[in-house]
Amino acid sequence: MKFNPCIDKCTYEGTHCEGCGRTHIEIAETKKMVMALVNFAQEQEYENVEDFVAAVGKSVLKKLKKADTNK
């Protein structure tokens, strides 16, 4: 399945957003993860949030690639 980011044309009827095509459950879970990271960065009072976001993204990508090679 290909990830489709939000395109700011959100709909709430049915099971999928007509804007991005993702399920409403997927969107809600993604928002929870993002807010958890936002809250963590704020609690740590990071001054370099761009570096934090880049490091988290790099770490997630590394772990996903590693998981793919272990299949």
N, C-alpha and C. Protein backbone atom coordinates (compact mmCIF):
# COMPACT_ATOMS: atom_id res chain seq x y z
N MET A 1 0.85 -1.18 0.00
CA MET A 1 0.00 0.00 0.00
C MET A 1 0.90 1.24 0.00
N LYS A 2 0.54 2.21 -0.78
CA LYS A 2 1.29 3.46 -0.85
C LYS A 2 0.71 4.47 0.13
N PHE A 3 1.59 5.17 0.86
CA PHE A 3 1.15 6.23 1.76
C PHE A 3 0.79 7.47 0.96
N ASN A 4 -0.35 8.05 1.29
CA ASN A 4 -0.79 9.29 0.66
C ASN A 4 -0.91 10.36 1.75
N PRO A 5 -0.11 11.42 1.66
CA PRO A 5 -0.19 12.47 2.68
C PRO A 5 -1.47 13.30 2.53
N CYS A 6 -1.79 14.01 3.58
CA CYS A 6 -2.95 14.90 3.58
C CYS A 6 -2.77 15.97 2.50
N ILE A 7 -3.85 16.28 1.80
CA ILE A 7 -3.82 17.34 0.79
C ILE A 7 -4.80 18.46 1.15
N ASP A 8 -5.18 18.51 2.41
CA ASP A 8 -6.09 19.54 2.94
C ASP A 8 -7.44 19.59 2.24
N LYS A 9 -7.94 18.43 1.85
CA LYS A 9 -9.29 18.32 1.29
C LYS A 9 -10.01 17.19 2.03
N CYS A 10 -10.01 17.31 3.35
CA CYS A 10 -10.50 16.25 4.22
C CYS A 10 -12.01 16.07 4.13
N THR A 11 -12.42 14.82 4.17
CA THR A 11 -13.83 14.47 4.29
C THR A 11 -13.96 13.48 5.44
N TYR A 12 -15.13 13.45 6.05
CA TYR A 12 -15.31 12.63 7.25
C TYR A 12 -16.39 11.57 7.10
N GLU A 13 -17.03 11.52 5.95
CA GLU A 13 -18.07 10.53 5.73
C GLU A 13 -17.43 9.21 5.32
N GLY A 14 -18.12 8.11 5.57
CA GLY A 14 -17.64 6.80 5.17
C GLY A 14 -16.42 6.35 5.95
N THR A 15 -15.67 5.42 5.38
CA THR A 15 -14.52 4.86 6.08
C THR A 15 -13.19 5.49 5.66
N HIS A 16 -13.20 6.18 4.50
CA HIS A 16 -11.97 6.78 3.97
C HIS A 16 -12.17 8.27 3.69
N CYS A 17 -11.09 9.02 3.85
CA CYS A 17 -11.08 10.43 3.45
C CYS A 17 -11.04 10.47 1.93
N GLU A 18 -11.90 11.26 1.33
CA GLU A 18 -11.90 11.36 -0.12
C GLU A 18 -10.74 12.21 -0.63
N GLY A 19 -10.12 13.01 0.26
CA GLY A 19 -8.98 13.84 -0.14
C GLY A 19 -7.72 13.02 -0.35
N CYS A 20 -7.31 12.27 0.68
CA CYS A 20 -6.05 11.52 0.62
C CYS A 20 -6.26 10.02 0.39
N GLY A 21 -7.47 9.54 0.64
CA GLY A 21 -7.76 8.12 0.44
C GLY A 21 -7.44 7.22 1.62
N ARG A 22 -6.86 7.80 2.67
CA ARG A 22 -6.53 6.99 3.84
C ARG A 22 -7.79 6.74 4.69
N THR A 23 -7.75 5.66 5.47
CA THR A 23 -8.88 5.40 6.36
C THR A 23 -8.87 6.43 7.48
N HIS A 24 -10.04 6.67 8.04
CA HIS A 24 -10.14 7.61 9.15
C HIS A 24 -9.38 7.07 10.36
N ILE A 25 -9.32 5.75 10.51
CA ILE A 25 -8.57 5.14 11.60
C ILE A 25 -7.07 5.41 11.41
N GLU A 26 -6.56 5.22 10.19
CA GLU A 26 -5.15 5.49 9.91
C GLU A 26 -4.80 6.95 10.20
N ILE A 27 -5.66 7.85 9.78
CA ILE A 27 -5.43 9.28 10.00
C ILE A 27 -5.39 9.58 11.50
N ALA A 28 -6.33 9.03 12.25
CA ALA A 28 -6.39 9.27 13.70
C ALA A 28 -5.14 8.72 14.40
N GLU A 29 -4.71 7.52 14.01
CA GLU A 29 -3.52 6.92 14.64
C GLU A 29 -2.26 7.72 14.29
N THR A 30 -2.17 8.20 13.07
CA THR A 30 -1.03 9.01 12.66
C THR A 30 -1.00 10.30 13.47
N LYS A 31 -2.15 10.93 13.64
CA LYS A 31 -2.22 12.16 14.44
C LYS A 31 -1.77 11.90 15.87
N LYS A 32 -2.15 10.75 16.45
CA LYS A 32 -1.74 10.42 17.82
C LYS A 32 -0.22 10.31 17.91
N MET A 33 0.39 9.62 16.93
CA MET A 33 1.85 9.47 16.94
C MET A 33 2.55 10.82 16.80
N VAL A 34 2.06 11.63 15.89
CA VAL A 34 2.66 12.94 15.69
C VAL A 34 2.55 13.79 16.95
N MET A 35 1.38 13.79 17.56
CA MET A 35 1.19 14.59 18.78
C MET A 35 2.05 14.07 19.92
N ALA A 36 2.27 12.77 20.00
CA ALA A 36 3.15 12.22 21.03
C ALA A 36 4.57 12.73 20.82
N LEU A 37 5.03 12.79 19.58
CA LEU A 37 6.36 13.32 19.30
C LEU A 37 6.44 14.81 19.59
N VAL A 38 5.40 15.56 19.23
CA VAL A 38 5.36 16.99 19.52
C VAL A 38 5.43 17.22 21.03
N ASN A 39 4.61 16.50 21.78
CA ASN A 39 4.59 16.65 23.22
C ASN A 39 5.94 16.30 23.84
N PHE A 40 6.57 15.22 23.36
CA PHE A 40 7.88 14.82 23.86
C PHE A 40 8.91 15.92 23.61
N ALA A 41 8.95 16.44 22.38
CA ALA A 41 9.92 17.49 22.05
C ALA A 41 9.68 18.74 22.90
N GLN A 42 8.42 19.07 23.15
CA GLN A 42 8.11 20.23 23.98
C GLN A 42 8.52 20.00 25.44
N GLU A 43 8.27 18.79 25.94
CA GLU A 43 8.66 18.48 27.32
C GLU A 43 10.18 18.55 27.50
N GLN A 44 10.92 18.15 26.45
CA GLN A 44 12.38 18.19 26.52
C GLN A 44 12.92 19.61 26.30
N GLU A 45 12.04 20.49 25.85
CA GLU A 45 12.40 21.88 25.57
C GLU A 45 13.55 21.98 24.57
N TYR A 46 13.49 21.13 23.53
CA TYR A 46 14.51 21.17 22.49
C TYR A 46 14.51 22.53 21.79
N GLU A 47 15.68 23.07 21.61
CA GLU A 47 15.81 24.32 20.86
C GLU A 47 15.99 24.03 19.37
N ASN A 48 16.43 22.82 19.05
CA ASN A 48 16.71 22.43 17.66
C ASN A 48 15.72 21.34 17.22
N VAL A 49 14.45 21.72 17.17
CA VAL A 49 13.41 20.74 16.84
C VAL A 49 13.58 20.14 15.45
N GLU A 50 14.16 20.92 14.53
CA GLU A 50 14.39 20.39 13.18
C GLU A 50 15.33 19.19 13.22
N ASP A 51 16.37 19.27 14.07
CA ASP A 51 17.30 18.16 14.22
C ASP A 51 16.61 16.95 14.85
N PHE A 52 15.74 17.19 15.82
CA PHE A 52 15.00 16.11 16.45
C PHE A 52 14.12 15.39 15.42
N VAL A 53 13.37 16.16 14.64
CA VAL A 53 12.48 15.58 13.64
C VAL A 53 13.28 14.79 12.60
N ALA A 54 14.40 15.35 12.15
CA ALA A 54 15.23 14.66 11.17
C ALA A 54 15.79 13.36 11.74
N ALA A 55 16.22 13.38 13.00
CA ALA A 55 16.77 12.18 13.63
C ALA A 55 15.71 11.10 13.80
N VAL A 56 14.51 11.49 14.19
CA VAL A 56 13.42 10.52 14.35
C VAL A 56 13.07 9.91 13.00
N GLY A 57 12.95 10.74 11.98
CA GLY A 57 12.64 10.23 10.64
C GLY A 57 13.71 9.27 10.14
N LYS A 58 14.96 9.62 10.35
CA LYS A 58 16.07 8.76 9.93
C LYS A 58 16.05 7.43 10.67
N SER A 59 15.76 7.48 11.96
CA SER A 59 15.70 6.27 12.78
C SER A 59 14.55 5.36 12.35
N VAL A 60 13.40 5.93 12.09
CA VAL A 60 12.24 5.15 11.64
C VAL A 60 12.55 4.47 10.31
N LEU A 61 13.11 5.23 9.38
CA LEU A 61 13.44 4.68 8.07
C LEU A 61 14.46 3.54 8.18
N LYS A 62 15.46 3.72 9.02
CA LYS A 62 16.48 2.68 9.23
C LYS A 62 15.85 1.40 9.78
N LYS A 63 14.97 1.54 10.75
CA LYS A 63 14.33 0.37 11.35
C LYS A 63 13.38 -0.31 10.38
N LEU A 64 12.68 0.46 9.55
CA LEU A 64 11.80 -0.14 8.55
C LEU A 64 12.61 -0.93 7.51
N LYS A 65 13.73 -0.36 7.08
CA LYS A 65 14.58 -1.06 6.10
C LYS A 65 15.15 -2.34 6.69
N LYS A 66 15.55 -2.28 7.97
CA LYS A 66 16.08 -3.46 8.64
C LYS A 66 14.99 -4.53 8.77
N ALA A 67 13.77 -4.12 9.10
CA ALA A 67 12.67 -5.06 9.24
C ALA A 67 12.37 -5.72 7.90
N ASP A 68 12.49 -4.97 6.79
CA ASP A 68 12.25 -5.53 5.46
C ASP A 68 13.28 -6.59 5.10
N THR A 69 14.52 -6.40 5.52
CA THR A 69 15.57 -7.38 5.19
C THR A 69 15.44 -8.64 6.03
N ASN A 70 14.73 -8.56 7.14
CA ASN A 70 14.55 -9.72 8.02
C ASN A 70 13.34 -10.56 7.65
N LYS A 71 12.63 -10.19 6.61
CA LYS A 71 11.43 -10.93 6.20
C LYS A 71 11.80 -12.17 5.43
